[in-house]
Protein backbone atom coordinates (compact mmCIF):
# COMPACT_ATOMS: atom_id res chain seq x y z
CA UNK A 1 -31.25 6.21 -12.53
CA UNK A 2 -28.26 6.23 -10.77
CA UNK A 3 -28.01 3.33 -8.05
CA UNK A 4 -27.31 5.59 -5.29
CA UNK A 5 -30.58 7.70 -5.59
CA UNK A 6 -32.44 5.00 -3.25
CA UNK A 7 -30.41 6.08 -0.36
CA UNK A 8 -31.34 8.87 1.78
CA UNK A 9 -29.14 11.78 1.02
CA UNK A 10 -27.93 12.31 4.64
CA UNK A 11 -26.85 8.75 5.00
CA UNK A 12 -24.91 9.41 1.78
CA UNK A 13 -23.10 12.38 3.29
CA UNK A 14 -22.47 10.45 6.47
CA UNK A 15 -20.74 7.62 4.56
CA UNK A 16 -18.65 10.15 2.50
CA UNK A 17 -17.64 12.17 5.54
CA UNK A 18 -16.40 8.44 7.56
CA UNK A 19 -14.69 7.22 4.44
CA UNK A 20 -13.01 10.73 3.64
CA UNK A 21 -11.73 10.75 7.42
CA UNK A 22 -10.19 7.38 7.25
CA UNK A 23 -8.17 7.98 4.13
CA UNK A 24 -5.10 9.20 5.88
CA UNK A 25 -5.01 5.37 7.66
CA UNK A 26 -6.09 4.05 4.62
CA UNK A 27 -4.98 5.65 1.36
CA UNK A 28 -5.82 2.66 -0.55
CA UNK A 29 -9.57 4.23 -0.64
CA UNK A 30 -8.17 6.73 -2.97
CA UNK A 31 -8.52 4.38 -5.42
CA UNK A 32 -11.94 3.16 -4.40
CA UNK A 33 -14.51 3.04 -7.33
CA UNK A 34 -17.21 3.33 -4.43
CA UNK A 35 -15.84 6.34 -3.19
CA UNK A 36 -15.47 8.11 -6.74
CA UNK A 37 -19.06 7.31 -7.46
CA UNK A 38 -20.20 8.53 -4.06
CA UNK A 39 -18.24 11.66 -4.62
CA UNK A 40 -19.47 12.48 -8.05
CA UNK A 41 -22.96 11.67 -6.84
CA UNK A 42 -22.93 14.31 -3.92
CA UNK A 43 -21.22 16.98 -5.98
CA UNK A 44 -23.92 16.58 -8.81
CA UNK A 45 -26.43 16.87 -5.89
CA UNK A 46 -24.56 19.77 -4.34
CA UNK A 47 -24.61 21.57 -7.46
CA UNK A 48 -28.32 21.16 -7.71
CA UNK A 49 -28.47 22.94 -4.39
CA UNK A 50 -26.56 25.74 -5.51
CA UNK A 51 -23.28 24.90 -3.98
CA UNK A 52 -20.00 25.56 -5.87
CA UNK A 53 -18.39 22.19 -4.89
CA UNK A 54 -14.73 24.15 -6.21
CA UNK A 55 -14.93 26.10 -2.99
CA UNK A 56 -13.77 24.00 -0.10
CA UNK A 57 -16.08 25.83 2.62
CA UNK A 58 -19.03 25.56 0.64
CA UNK A 59 -18.76 21.60 -0.25
CA UNK A 60 -18.00 20.94 3.52
CA UNK A 61 -20.81 22.95 4.79
CA UNK A 62 -23.05 21.25 2.68
CA UNK A 63 -21.98 17.92 3.25
CA UNK A 64 -22.28 18.68 7.37
CA UNK A 65 -19.87 18.23 9.90
CA UNK A 66 -16.20 19.68 10.33
CA UNK A 67 -14.06 21.23 7.28
CA UNK A 68 -12.82 18.16 5.38
CA UNK A 69 -9.15 17.94 4.90
CA UNK A 70 -7.85 17.56 1.54
CA UNK A 71 -10.80 18.58 -0.58
């Protein structure tokens, strides 16, 4: 079991969007293992929902909120 499965999906999406928005001011987050694991988990869940995560618009729409820069 992935340790992230115990958290609500909407909460994980919010945390991901928040961290992603902080990247320009905190570039060290690019090396964050937590952010990498969170992104991988969310991409897996998105694929299961039929989202093509290689298409920025689909990925961003699934995450909710505004389109994410740099994905």
